[in-house]
C-alpha atoms as a PDB file:
ATOM      1  CA  UNK A   1       4.481   1.102  28.897  1.00  0.00           C
ATOM      2  CA  UNK A   2       5.581  -1.087  26.401  1.00  0.00           C
ATOM      3  CA  UNK A   3       9.378  -1.380  25.349  1.00  0.00           C
ATOM      4  CA  UNK A   4      10.532   0.610  22.505  1.00  0.00           C
ATOM      5  CA  UNK A   5      14.257   0.259  20.743  1.00  0.00           C
ATOM      6  CA  UNK A   6      15.413   3.829  20.156  1.00  0.00           C
ATOM      7  CA  UNK A   7      18.319   5.070  17.951  1.00  0.00           C
ATOM      8  CA  UNK A   8      18.809   8.827  17.278  1.00  0.00           C
ATOM      9  CA  UNK A   9      20.468  10.370  14.554  1.00  0.00           C
ATOM     10  CA  UNK A  10      20.447  13.253  12.225  1.00  0.00           C
ATOM     11  CA  UNK A  11      18.537  12.319   8.394  1.00  0.00           C
ATOM     12  CA  UNK A  12      21.436  14.122   5.785  1.00  0.00           C
ATOM     13  CA  UNK A  13      21.889  14.185   1.992  1.00  0.00           C
ATOM     14  CA  UNK A  14      23.763  11.796   0.298  1.00  0.00           C
ATOM     15  CA  UNK A  15      24.515  11.120  -3.654  1.00  0.00           C
ATOM     16  CA  UNK A  16      23.897  13.020  -5.983  1.00  0.00           C
ATOM     17  CA  UNK A  17      20.276  14.392  -5.880  1.00  0.00           C
ATOM     18  CA  UNK A  18      18.190  15.592  -3.124  1.00  0.00           C
ATOM     19  CA  UNK A  19      17.255  13.014  -1.111  1.00  0.00           C
ATOM     20  CA  UNK A  20      16.985  11.835   2.602  1.00  0.00           C
ATOM     21  CA  UNK A  21      19.867   9.572   3.770  1.00  0.00           C
ATOM     22  CA  UNK A  22      19.624   7.362   6.772  1.00  0.00           C
ATOM     23  CA  UNK A  23      22.152   6.849   9.761  1.00  0.00           C
ATOM     24  CA  UNK A  24      23.785   3.830   9.846  1.00  0.00           C
ATOM     25  CA  UNK A  25      23.045   3.372  13.461  1.00  0.00           C
ATOM     26  CA  UNK A  26      19.308   3.359  12.889  1.00  0.00           C
ATOM     27  CA  UNK A  27      19.054   1.713   8.788  1.00  0.00           C
ATOM     28  CA  UNK A  28      21.099  -1.588  10.876  1.00  0.00           C
ATOM     29  CA  UNK A  29      17.888  -1.829  12.564  1.00  0.00           C
ATOM     30  CA  UNK A  30      15.709  -0.916  10.634  1.00  0.00           C
ATOM     31  CA  UNK A  31      13.696  -1.953   7.558  1.00  0.00           C
ATOM     32  CA  UNK A  32      13.142  -0.089   4.048  1.00  0.00           C
ATOM     33  CA  UNK A  33      10.037  -0.599   2.237  1.00  0.00           C
ATOM     34  CA  UNK A  34       8.794   0.496  -0.949  1.00  0.00           C
ATOM     35  CA  UNK A  35       5.559   1.558  -1.031  1.00  0.00           C
ATOM     36  CA  UNK A  36       3.716   0.690  -4.064  1.00  0.00           C
ATOM     37  CA  UNK A  37       0.626   2.565  -5.343  1.00  0.00           C
ATOM     38  CA  UNK A  38       1.036   5.932  -4.101  1.00  0.00           C
ATOM     39  CA  UNK A  39       1.279   7.565  -7.680  1.00  0.00           C
ATOM     40  CA  UNK A  40      -1.365   7.316 -10.423  1.00  0.00           C
ATOM     41  CA  UNK A  41      -4.878   6.974 -10.731  1.00  0.00           C
ATOM     42  CA  UNK A  42      -6.589   7.322  -7.280  1.00  0.00           C
ATOM     43  CA  UNK A  43      -9.820   5.024  -8.279  1.00  0.00           C
ATOM     44  CA  UNK A  44      -9.382   1.692  -6.399  1.00  0.00           C
ATOM     45  CA  UNK A  45      -6.212   3.163  -5.139  1.00  0.00           C
ATOM     46  CA  UNK A  46      -4.102   0.532  -2.990  1.00  0.00           C
ATOM     47  CA  UNK A  47      -1.080   0.747  -0.853  1.00  0.00           C
ATOM     48  CA  UNK A  48       2.137  -2.013  -0.951  1.00  0.00           C
ATOM     49  CA  UNK A  49       5.151  -2.165   1.424  1.00  0.00           C
ATOM     50  CA  UNK A  50       6.986  -4.552   2.668  1.00  0.00           C
ATOM     51  CA  UNK A  51       4.464  -7.560   4.819  1.00  0.00           C
ATOM     52  CA  UNK A  52       1.809  -4.353   4.559  1.00  0.00           C
ATOM     53  CA  UNK A  53      -1.166  -4.010   2.381  1.00  0.00           C
ATOM     54  CA  UNK A  54      -3.942  -1.319   2.403  1.00  0.00           C
ATOM     55  CA  UNK A  55      -7.653  -2.208   1.497  1.00  0.00           C
ATOM     56  CA  UNK A  56      -9.063  -0.049  -1.145  1.00  0.00           C
ATOM     57  CA  UNK A  57      -8.996   3.700  -0.385  1.00  0.00           C
ATOM     58  CA  UNK A  58     -12.362   4.821   0.064  1.00  0.00           C
ATOM     59  CA  UNK A  59     -12.225   8.580  -0.344  1.00  0.00           C
ATOM     60  CA  UNK A  60     -15.392  10.704   0.726  1.00  0.00           C
ATOM     61  CA  UNK A  61     -16.571  14.283  -0.745  1.00  0.00           C
ATOM     62  CA  UNK A  62     -13.559  16.426  -2.072  1.00  0.00           C
ATOM     63  CA  UNK A  63     -14.667  20.300  -1.244  1.00  0.00           C
ATOM     64  CA  UNK A  64     -13.076  22.962  -2.606  1.00  0.00           C
ATOM     65  CA  UNK A  65     -14.199  26.895  -2.544  1.00  0.00           C
ATOM     66  CA  UNK A  66     -13.322  30.314  -2.661  1.00  0.00           C
ATOM     67  CA  UNK A  67     -14.564  33.705  -3.147  1.00  0.00           C
ATOM     68  CA  UNK A  68     -12.815  37.390  -3.543  1.00  0.00           C
ATOM     69  CA  UNK A  69     -14.247  40.624  -2.730  1.00  0.00           C
ATOM     70  CA  UNK A  70     -12.133  44.094  -3.329  1.00  0.00           C
ATOM     71  CA  UNK A  71     -10.312  44.903  -0.764  1.00  0.00           C
ATOM     72  CA  UNK A  72     -12.114  48.499   0.328  1.00  0.00           C
ATOM     73  CA  UNK A  73      -8.840  49.825   2.501  1.00  0.00           C
ATOM     74  CA  UNK A  74      -7.326  52.982   1.328  1.00  0.00           C
ATOM     75  CA  UNK A  75      -3.961  52.695   2.584  1.00  0.00           C
ATOM     76  CA  UNK A  76      -1.201  55.029   1.076  1.00  0.00           C
ATOM     77  CA  UNK A  77       0.238  51.584  -1.021  1.00  0.00           C
ATOM     78  CA  UNK A  78      -3.026  50.912  -2.112  1.00  0.00           C
ATOM     79  CA  UNK A  79      -3.926  54.364  -2.771  1.00  0.00           C
ATOM     80  CA  UNK A  80      -0.892  54.197  -5.259  1.00  0.00           C
ATOM     81  CA  UNK A  81      -1.970  51.117  -6.646  1.00  0.00           C
ATOM     82  CA  UNK A  82      -4.717  52.583  -8.224  1.00  0.00           C
ATOM     83  CA  UNK A  83      -3.280  55.647  -9.955  1.00  0.00           C
ATOM     84  CA  UNK A  84      -1.196  52.568 -11.332  1.00  0.00           C
ATOM     85  CA  UNK A  85      -4.578  50.795 -12.607  1.00  0.00           C
ATOM     86  CA  UNK A  86      -3.991  48.175 -10.264  1.00  0.00           C
ATOM     87  CA  UNK A  87      -6.410  46.613  -7.838  1.00  0.00           C
ATOM     88  CA  UNK A  88      -6.225  44.536  -4.625  1.00  0.00           C
ATOM     89  CA  UNK A  89      -8.999  41.904  -3.579  1.00  0.00           C
ATOM     90  CA  UNK A  90      -8.942  39.708  -0.415  1.00  0.00           C
ATOM     91  CA  UNK A  91      -9.745  36.235  -1.468  1.00  0.00           C
ATOM     92  CA  UNK A  92     -10.319  33.208   0.765  1.00  0.00           C
ATOM     93  CA  UNK A  93     -10.123  29.476  -0.512  1.00  0.00           C
ATOM     94  CA  UNK A  94     -10.980  26.276   1.489  1.00  0.00           C
ATOM     95  CA  UNK A  95     -10.359  22.660   0.646  1.00  0.00           C
ATOM     96  CA  UNK A  96     -11.982  19.641   2.891  1.00  0.00           C
ATOM     97  CA  UNK A  97     -11.378  15.875   2.038  1.00  0.00           C
ATOM     98  CA  UNK A  98     -11.939  12.809   3.973  1.00  0.00           C
ATOM     99  CA  UNK A  99     -10.855   8.824   3.257  1.00  0.00           C
ATOM    100  CA  UNK A 100     -11.076   5.471   4.922  1.00  0.00           C
ATOM    101  CA  UNK A 101      -9.327   2.486   4.655  1.00  0.00           C
ATOM    102  CA  UNK A 102      -7.982  -1.045   6.540  1.00  0.00           C
ATOM    103  CA  UNK A 103      -4.772  -2.095   6.891  1.00  0.00           C
ATOM    104  CA  UNK A 104      -3.162  -6.001   7.308  1.00  0.00           C
ATOM    105  CA  UNK A 105       0.243  -7.458   7.437  1.00  0.00           C
ATOM    106  CA  UNK A 106      -1.416 -11.234   7.320  1.00  0.00           C
ATOM    107  CA  UNK A 107      -1.602 -11.498  11.181  1.00  0.00           C
ATOM    108  CA  UNK A 108      -3.010  -7.885  12.213  1.00  0.00           C
ATOM    109  CA  UNK A 109      -5.375  -5.584  10.872  1.00  0.00           C
ATOM    110  CA  UNK A 110      -6.043  -1.791  11.491  1.00  0.00           C
ATOM    111  CA  UNK A 111      -9.099   0.766  10.293  1.00  0.00           C
ATOM    112  CA  UNK A 112      -7.928   4.509   9.644  1.00  0.00           C
ATOM    113  CA  UNK A 113     -10.479   7.059   9.391  1.00  0.00           C
ATOM    114  CA  UNK A 114      -8.765  10.341   8.376  1.00  0.00           C
ATOM    115  CA  UNK A 115      -9.996  14.248   7.539  1.00  0.00           C
ATOM    116  CA  UNK A 116      -8.331  16.938   5.961  1.00  0.00           C
ATOM    117  CA  UNK A 117      -9.184  20.666   5.880  1.00  0.00           C
ATOM    118  CA  UNK A 118      -6.910  23.273   4.654  1.00  0.00           C
ATOM    119  CA  UNK A 119      -8.212  27.262   4.486  1.00  0.00           C
ATOM    120  CA  UNK A 120      -5.863  30.438   2.991  1.00  0.00           C
ATOM    121  CA  UNK A 121      -6.503  33.555   3.198  1.00  0.00           C
ATOM    122  CA  UNK A 122      -4.892  35.442  -0.153  1.00  0.00           C
ATOM    123  CA  UNK A 123      -4.066  39.492  -1.104  1.00  0.00           C
ATOM    124  CA  UNK A 124      -4.848  39.408  -4.639  1.00  0.00           C
ATOM    125  CA  UNK A 125      -3.389  42.064  -7.050  1.00  0.00           C
ATOM    126  CA  UNK A 126      -4.648  42.497 -10.589  1.00  0.00           C
ATOM    127  CA  UNK A 127      -4.342  44.925 -13.031  1.00  0.00           C
ATOM    128  CA  UNK A 128      -7.576  46.625 -14.725  1.00  0.00           C
ATOM    129  CA  UNK A 129      -5.800  45.192 -17.914  1.00  0.00           C
ATOM    130  CA  UNK A 130      -7.088  41.384 -18.496  1.00  0.00           C
ATOM    131  CA  UNK A 131      -4.087  40.608 -20.666  1.00  0.00           C
ATOM    132  CA  UNK A 132      -1.710  41.140 -17.511  1.00  0.00           C
ATOM    133  CA  UNK A 133      -3.452  38.745 -15.446  1.00  0.00           C
ATOM    134  CA  UNK A 134      -3.077  38.626 -11.540  1.00  0.00           C
ATOM    135  CA  UNK A 135      -0.690  38.295  -8.570  1.00  0.00           C
ATOM    136  CA  UNK A 136      -1.488  36.233  -5.209  1.00  0.00           C
ATOM    137  CA  UNK A 137       0.241  37.066  -1.833  1.00  0.00           C
ATOM    138  CA  UNK A 138      -0.291  34.552   1.063  1.00  0.00           C
ATOM    139  CA  UNK A 139      -1.067  36.019   4.036  1.00  0.00           C
ATOM    140  CA  UNK A 140      -2.271  33.176   6.245  1.00  0.00           C
ATOM    141  CA  UNK A 141      -2.434  29.626   6.057  1.00  0.00           C
ATOM    142  CA  UNK A 142      -3.964  27.331   8.388  1.00  0.00           C
ATOM    143  CA  UNK A 143      -3.784  23.386   7.938  1.00  0.00           C
ATOM    144  CA  UNK A 144      -5.260  20.346   9.622  1.00  0.00           C
ATOM    145  CA  UNK A 145      -4.990  16.371   9.232  1.00  0.00           C
ATOM    146  CA  UNK A 146      -6.062  14.175  11.466  1.00  0.00           C
ATOM    147  CA  UNK A 147      -7.090  10.583  11.331  1.00  0.00           C
ATOM    148  CA  UNK A 148      -8.417   8.193  13.709  1.00  0.00           C
ATOM    149  CA  UNK A 149      -6.480   4.266  13.975  1.00  0.00           C
ATOM    150  CA  UNK A 150      -8.295   1.407  15.088  1.00  0.00           C
ATOM    151  CA  UNK A 151      -5.953  -1.780  15.779  1.00  0.00           C
ATOM    152  CA  UNK A 152      -8.763  -5.071  15.304  1.00  0.00           C
ATOM    153  CA  UNK A 153      -8.889  -7.050  18.098  1.00  0.00           C
ATOM    154  CA  UNK A 154     -10.710  -9.629  19.845  1.00  0.00           C
ATOM    155  CA  UNK A 155     -10.340  -6.943  22.600  1.00  0.00           C
ATOM    156  CA  UNK A 156     -10.747  -3.346  21.073  1.00  0.00           C
ATOM    157  CA  UNK A 157      -7.810  -1.250  22.666  1.00  0.00           C
ATOM    158  CA  UNK A 158      -8.099   2.464  22.840  1.00  0.00           C
ATOM    159  CA  UNK A 159      -8.030   4.263  19.391  1.00  0.00           C
ATOM    160  CA  UNK A 160      -4.753   5.701  18.077  1.00  0.00           C
ATOM    161  CA  UNK A 161      -4.992   9.356  17.020  1.00  0.00           C
ATOM    162  CA  UNK A 162      -3.003  11.097  14.706  1.00  0.00           C
ATOM    163  CA  UNK A 163      -2.669  15.014  14.590  1.00  0.00           C
ATOM    164  CA  UNK A 164      -0.111  17.501  11.847  1.00  0.00           C
ATOM    165  CA  UNK A 165      -1.319  21.303  12.261  1.00  0.00           C
ATOM    166  CA  UNK A 166       0.140  24.046  10.186  1.00  0.00           C
ATOM    167  CA  UNK A 167      -0.071  27.508  10.906  1.00  0.00           C
ATOM    168  CA  UNK A 168       1.453  30.457   9.381  1.00  0.00           C
ATOM    169  CA  UNK A 169       0.485  34.108   9.003  1.00  0.00           C
ATOM    170  CA  UNK A 170       2.998  37.218   8.490  1.00  0.00           C
ATOM    171  CA  UNK A 171       2.855  37.939  12.089  1.00  0.00           C
ATOM    172  CA  UNK A 172       3.433  35.006  13.872  1.00  0.00           C
ATOM    173  CA  UNK A 173       5.160  33.118  11.531  1.00  0.00           C
ATOM    174  CA  UNK A 174       5.204  29.248  11.369  1.00  0.00           C
ATOM    175  CA  UNK A 175       3.857  26.796  14.133  1.00  0.00           C
ATOM    176  CA  UNK A 176       3.696  23.084  12.765  1.00  0.00           C
ATOM    177  CA  UNK A 177       3.009  20.701  15.806  1.00  0.00           C
ATOM    178  CA  UNK A 178       1.853  17.049  15.025  1.00  0.00           C
ATOM    179  CA  UNK A 179       2.230  13.565  17.118  1.00  0.00           C
ATOM    180  CA  UNK A 180       0.436  10.343  17.031  1.00  0.00           C
ATOM    181  CA  UNK A 181      -0.943   8.846  20.698  1.00  0.00           C
ATOM    182  CA  UNK A 182      -3.542   6.744  22.562  1.00  0.00           C
ATOM    183  CA  UNK A 183      -3.576   8.536  25.658  1.00  0.00           C
ATOM    184  CA  UNK A 184      -0.716   6.720  26.894  1.00  0.00           C
ATOM    185  CA  UNK A 185       2.001   6.685  24.456  1.00  0.00           C
ATOM    186  CA  UNK A 186       2.808   9.392  22.006  1.00  0.00           C
ATOM    187  CA  UNK A 187       4.994  10.042  19.149  1.00  0.00           C
ATOM    188  CA  UNK A 188       6.241  12.974  17.824  1.00  0.00           C
ATOM    189  CA  UNK A 189       5.984  13.632  13.971  1.00  0.00           C
ATOM    190  CA  UNK A 190       8.269  15.932  12.547  1.00  0.00           C
ATOM    191  CA  UNK A 191       8.316  17.135   9.085  1.00  0.00           C
ATOM    192  CA  UNK A 192      11.890  16.775   7.126  1.00  0.00           C
ATOM    193  CA  UNK A 193      13.193  19.682   4.861  1.00  0.00           C
ATOM    194  CA  UNK A 194      15.824  19.569   2.579  1.00  0.00           C
ATOM    195  CA  UNK A 195      17.683  23.181   2.264  1.00  0.00           C
ATOM    196  CA  UNK A 196      21.114  21.968   0.510  1.00  0.00           C
ATOM    197  CA  UNK A 197      22.446  19.084  -1.511  1.00  0.00           C
ATOM    198  CA  UNK A 198      25.612  17.538  -3.078  1.00  0.00           C
ATOM    199  CA  UNK A 199      25.834  17.247  -6.539  1.00  0.00           C
ATOM    200  CA  UNK A 200      27.875  14.295  -8.918  1.00  0.00           C
ATOM    201  CA  UNK A 201      31.202  17.149  -8.206  1.00  0.00           C
ATOM    202  CA  UNK A 202      30.544  16.830  -4.754  1.00  0.00           C
ATOM    203  CA  UNK A 203      29.708  20.718  -4.534  1.00  0.00           C
ATOM    204  CA  UNK A 204      27.414  21.589  -1.844  1.00  0.00           C
ATOM    205  CA  UNK A 205      24.387  23.310  -3.769  1.00  0.00           C
ATOM    206  CA  UNK A 206      21.184  24.993  -1.871  1.00  0.00           C
ATOM    207  CA  UNK A 207      17.641  23.816  -3.277  1.00  0.00           C
ATOM    208  CA  UNK A 208      16.317  26.376  -5.631  1.00  0.00           C
ATOM    209  CA  UNK A 209      13.445  28.048  -4.086  1.00  0.00           C
ATOM    210  CA  UNK A 210      13.775  27.598  -0.467  1.00  0.00           C
ATOM    211  CA  UNK A 211      13.869  24.085   1.542  1.00  0.00           C
ATOM    212  CA  UNK A 212      12.587  20.833  -0.229  1.00  0.00           C
ATOM    213  CA  UNK A 213       9.677  19.368   1.724  1.00  0.00           C
ATOM    214  CA  UNK A 214      10.938  15.740   2.113  1.00  0.00           C
ATOM    215  CA  UNK A 215       8.556  13.513   4.739  1.00  0.00           C
ATOM    216  CA  UNK A 216       8.183  12.949   8.080  1.00  0.00           C
ATOM    217  CA  UNK A 217      10.572  11.416  11.203  1.00  0.00           C
ATOM    218  CA  UNK A 218       8.425   9.634  13.486  1.00  0.00           C
ATOM    219  CA  UNK A 219      10.022  10.097  17.177  1.00  0.00           C
ATOM    220  CA  UNK A 220       9.511   8.770  21.116  1.00  0.00           C
ATOM    221  CA  UNK A 221      11.243  11.055  23.545  1.00  0.00           C
ATOM    222  CA  UNK A 222      14.965  11.058  22.521  1.00  0.00           C
ATOM    223  CA  UNK A 223      14.745   8.457  19.260  1.00  0.00           C
ATOM    224  CA  UNK A 224      13.950   8.109  15.593  1.00  0.00           C
ATOM    225  CA  UNK A 225      11.411   4.651  15.275  1.00  0.00           C
ATOM    226  CA  UNK A 226      10.601   5.620  11.922  1.00  0.00           C
ATOM    227  CA  UNK A 227      10.564   8.235   8.499  1.00  0.00           C
ATOM    228  CA  UNK A 228       8.540   8.722   5.713  1.00  0.00           C
ATOM    229  CA  UNK A 229      10.358   9.022   2.506  1.00  0.00           C
ATOM    230  CA  UNK A 230       8.186  11.499   0.337  1.00  0.00           C
ATOM    231  CA  UNK A 231      10.888  11.935  -2.150  1.00  0.00           C
ATOM    232  CA  UNK A 232      11.343   8.590  -2.824  1.00  0.00           C
ATOM    233  CA  UNK A 233       7.978   7.022  -1.195  1.00  0.00           C
ATOM    234  CA  UNK A 234       9.750   4.869   1.327  1.00  0.00           C
ATOM    235  CA  UNK A 235       8.839   3.454   4.976  1.00  0.00           C
ATOM    236  CA  UNK A 236      11.455   3.075   7.328  1.00  0.00           C
ATOM    237  CA  UNK A 237      10.639   1.310  10.601  1.00  0.00           C
ATOM    238  CA  UNK A 238      12.415  -0.172  13.302  1.00  0.00           C
ATOM    239  CA  UNK A 239      12.358  -4.044  13.388  1.00  0.00           C
ATOM    240  CA  UNK A 240      12.566  -4.655  17.554  1.00  0.00           C
ATOM    241  CA  UNK A 241       9.145  -2.644  17.857  1.00  0.00           C
ATOM    242  CA  UNK A 242       5.883  -4.425  19.448  1.00  0.00           C
ATOM    243  CA  UNK A 243       4.138  -5.692  16.803  1.00  0.00           C
ATOM    244  CA  UNK A 244       0.869  -3.530  17.903  1.00  0.00           C
ATOM    245  CA  UNK A 245       3.081  -0.739  17.780  1.00  0.00           C
ATOM    246  CA  UNK A 246       4.821  -1.529  14.071  1.00  0.00           C
ATOM    247  CA  UNK A 247       0.632  -1.690  12.858  1.00  0.00           C
ATOM    248  CA  UNK A 248       0.155   1.693  14.428  1.00  0.00           C
ATOM    249  CA  UNK A 249       3.432   3.209  12.723  1.00  0.00           C
ATOM    250  CA  UNK A 250       2.376   1.463   9.292  1.00  0.00           C
ATOM    251  CA  UNK A 251      -0.908   2.828   9.045  1.00  0.00           C
ATOM    252  CA  UNK A 252       0.029   6.135  10.024  1.00  0.00           C
ATOM    253  CA  UNK A 253       2.698   6.116   7.532  1.00  0.00           C
ATOM    254  CA  UNK A 254      -0.163   5.312   4.649  1.00  0.00           C
ATOM    255  CA  UNK A 255      -2.406   8.149   6.400  1.00  0.00           C
ATOM    256  CA  UNK A 256       0.478  10.626   5.867  1.00  0.00           C
ATOM    257  CA  UNK A 257       1.064   9.268   2.386  1.00  0.00           C
ATOM    258  CA  UNK A 258      -2.394   9.325   1.068  1.00  0.00           C
ATOM    259  CA  UNK A 259      -3.632  12.711   2.221  1.00  0.00           C
ATOM    260  CA  UNK A 260      -4.018  14.758  -0.618  1.00  0.00           C
ATOM    261  CA  UNK A 261      -1.789  17.697   0.603  1.00  0.00           C
ATOM    262  CA  UNK A 262       1.710  16.670   1.036  1.00  0.00           C
ATOM    263  CA  UNK A 263       3.330  19.977   0.805  1.00  0.00           C
ATOM    264  CA  UNK A 264       1.484  22.723   2.724  1.00  0.00           C
ATOM    265  CA  UNK A 265       3.083  25.319   0.931  1.00  0.00           C
ATOM    266  CA  UNK A 266       2.873  24.006  -2.866  1.00  0.00           C
END
């Protein structure tokens, strides 16, 4: 296993708005790269950050579907809703997306193939009077994002696999898992969420509507090696990593920024 320079540390809130703050030990040993090309048109989309640049992002089929059927259960609460002219329906929503692109820094190149799947089951309450519309309640959510990252070299190395899984339901709560591995070395990928921030007067405030999804922290063992800041479209990465690791992490960060769903709960 190659040598990895590690720094631990928590990502804190700072300044006057909700944003990620970078610990000094990590900050002094890492480079910050603004990721340009994230927002705007997805036609001929390209990312540029630091010495890295993607080729044109080729997106495949973007498929979404949904069906809604009347809930025929006769539980007491649903009988009560019928008395007050409310109906309850079961609704299922699914989405599938895929993309591929290359990443280069002028010396190395990686190819990325990615697939994204999302499904949600909802309970929809609607009034028989259409003027009142409807309200939906999520019952379960499943999300999976996977990407294959191939380093282009004379002797092709083992491909890297990036996996993000998000499961959430009323019975088991929330389960999240993320990793990046070539079968030998494995990085963990952890979502970053902000629950509080400090305003201009120095007062600690709670984020309205619950914790704000802010990005990802990429770690190995007990140390942080990279951070993807989705609030400011910044990518932080340690300088003293093996060049192959840096290319793989740059490709992984690109895929995390380019995937359709940033926050699974949005």
